[in-house]
């Protein structure tokens, strides 16, 4: 699925929503409940530093299954240089809750 190169504003702006929020993940993925697949959407410009990065990512990934492992349940997806288990992203999308994983809570408690 190829995206058209377009001039858009909003590049380089810092995201106000954390990666593990439902809003952010809903902008990135859709979940096919019948097959259990997590599919990349065309991500908005606010997720990228510039137009080239936006076009490169969306040309390569949009419409394709997310994850880097053949075993879907144990696959991981990299967002902003951090890898997240696909199963936890699916959990956030299905439940609508903003907690990506127990590890994030544990790290916050230990700080």
Protein backbone atom coordinates (compact mmCIF):
# COMPACT_ATOMS: atom_id res chain seq x y z
CA UNK A 1 0.00 0.00 0.00
CA UNK A 2 1.69 3.17 -1.18
CA UNK A 3 0.99 6.56 0.36
CA UNK A 4 1.02 9.76 -1.64
CA UNK A 5 3.77 12.22 -0.70
CA UNK A 6 2.04 15.28 0.73
CA UNK A 7 3.04 18.47 2.50
CA UNK A 8 1.88 18.30 6.09
CA UNK A 9 2.56 20.31 9.19
CA UNK A 10 3.22 18.82 12.60
CA UNK A 11 6.59 17.18 11.99
CA UNK A 12 9.08 17.29 14.80
CA UNK A 13 6.46 18.12 17.41
CA UNK A 14 6.69 16.11 20.59
CA UNK A 15 3.83 13.74 21.19
CA UNK A 16 1.82 14.54 24.27
CA UNK A 17 0.34 11.06 24.51
CA UNK A 18 2.57 8.24 25.75
CA UNK A 19 3.24 5.23 23.52
CA UNK A 20 1.24 2.94 25.77
CA UNK A 21 -1.92 5.04 25.60
CA UNK A 22 -4.96 3.67 23.81
CA UNK A 23 -5.14 6.83 21.67
CA UNK A 24 -1.57 6.45 20.38
CA UNK A 25 -1.86 2.72 19.70
CA UNK A 26 -5.22 3.18 17.97
CA UNK A 27 -3.52 5.63 15.59
CA UNK A 28 -0.86 2.99 14.80
CA UNK A 29 -2.71 -0.33 14.54
CA UNK A 30 -5.95 -2.11 13.94
CA UNK A 31 -6.63 -5.54 15.37
CA UNK A 32 -8.28 -8.32 13.37
CA UNK A 33 -10.05 -10.33 16.03
CA UNK A 34 -10.92 -13.17 13.64
CA UNK A 35 -7.25 -13.92 12.83
CA UNK A 36 -5.54 -12.33 15.84
CA UNK A 37 -3.38 -10.17 13.56
CA UNK A 38 -2.18 -6.70 14.47
CA UNK A 39 -2.01 -4.55 11.32
CA UNK A 40 -0.16 -1.25 10.85
CA UNK A 41 -2.34 1.70 9.87
CA UNK A 42 -1.07 4.72 7.96
CA UNK A 43 0.41 6.56 10.92
CA UNK A 44 -0.16 10.32 11.28
CA UNK A 45 2.58 12.88 10.64
CA UNK A 46 2.81 13.78 14.33
CA UNK A 47 4.53 10.42 14.93
CA UNK A 48 7.52 11.36 12.76
CA UNK A 49 10.34 13.90 12.57
CA UNK A 50 9.95 14.75 8.89
CA UNK A 51 8.08 14.00 5.67
CA UNK A 52 10.68 11.50 4.42
CA UNK A 53 10.46 9.40 7.59
CA UNK A 54 6.65 9.54 7.40
CA UNK A 55 6.59 8.41 3.76
CA UNK A 56 9.25 5.69 4.22
CA UNK A 57 7.54 4.12 7.21
CA UNK A 58 4.03 4.19 5.77
CA UNK A 59 5.14 2.95 2.32
CA UNK A 60 6.85 -0.07 3.87
CA UNK A 61 4.55 -0.94 6.78
CA UNK A 62 0.98 0.30 6.35
CA UNK A 63 -1.44 -2.55 5.75
CA UNK A 64 1.08 -5.20 6.85
CA UNK A 65 1.09 -7.37 9.93
CA UNK A 66 3.07 -5.92 12.83
CA UNK A 67 5.63 -8.00 14.68
CA UNK A 68 9.05 -9.51 14.13
CA UNK A 69 8.46 -13.16 15.02
CA UNK A 70 6.63 -15.98 13.25
CA UNK A 71 4.94 -16.92 16.53
CA UNK A 72 2.33 -14.14 16.65
CA UNK A 73 1.73 -14.29 20.40
CA UNK A 74 5.43 -13.73 21.19
CA UNK A 75 6.08 -11.13 18.49
CA UNK A 76 7.38 -7.70 19.36
CA UNK A 77 6.82 -4.34 17.70
CA UNK A 78 9.28 -1.47 17.88
CA UNK A 79 7.83 1.98 18.50
CA UNK A 80 10.15 4.89 19.22
CA UNK A 81 13.19 2.67 19.72
CA UNK A 82 11.44 0.46 22.31
CA UNK A 83 10.11 -3.05 21.67
CA UNK A 84 6.66 -3.94 22.96
CA UNK A 85 5.02 -7.39 22.94
CA UNK A 86 2.23 -7.60 20.36
CA UNK A 87 -0.05 -9.37 22.84
CA UNK A 88 0.06 -6.38 25.20
CA UNK A 89 -0.69 -3.90 22.42
CA UNK A 90 -3.67 -6.05 21.46
CA UNK A 91 -4.79 -6.04 25.11
CA UNK A 92 -4.78 -2.23 25.17
CA UNK A 93 -6.71 -2.06 21.87
CA UNK A 94 -9.31 -4.60 22.99
CA UNK A 95 -9.84 -3.29 26.54
CA UNK A 96 -9.35 0.41 25.84
CA UNK A 97 -7.22 0.72 28.99
CA UNK A 98 -4.04 2.78 28.85
CA UNK A 99 -1.70 0.33 30.58
CA UNK A 100 0.64 -1.37 28.13
CA UNK A 101 2.30 -3.74 30.56
CA UNK A 102 3.04 -4.55 34.17
CA UNK A 103 6.70 -3.68 33.67
CA UNK A 104 5.92 -0.02 33.05
CA UNK A 105 4.08 0.16 36.37
CA UNK A 106 6.90 -1.62 38.17
CA UNK A 107 9.47 0.83 36.75
CA UNK A 108 7.37 3.79 37.87
CA UNK A 109 7.08 2.41 41.39
CA UNK A 110 10.81 1.85 41.70
CA UNK A 111 11.72 5.40 40.68
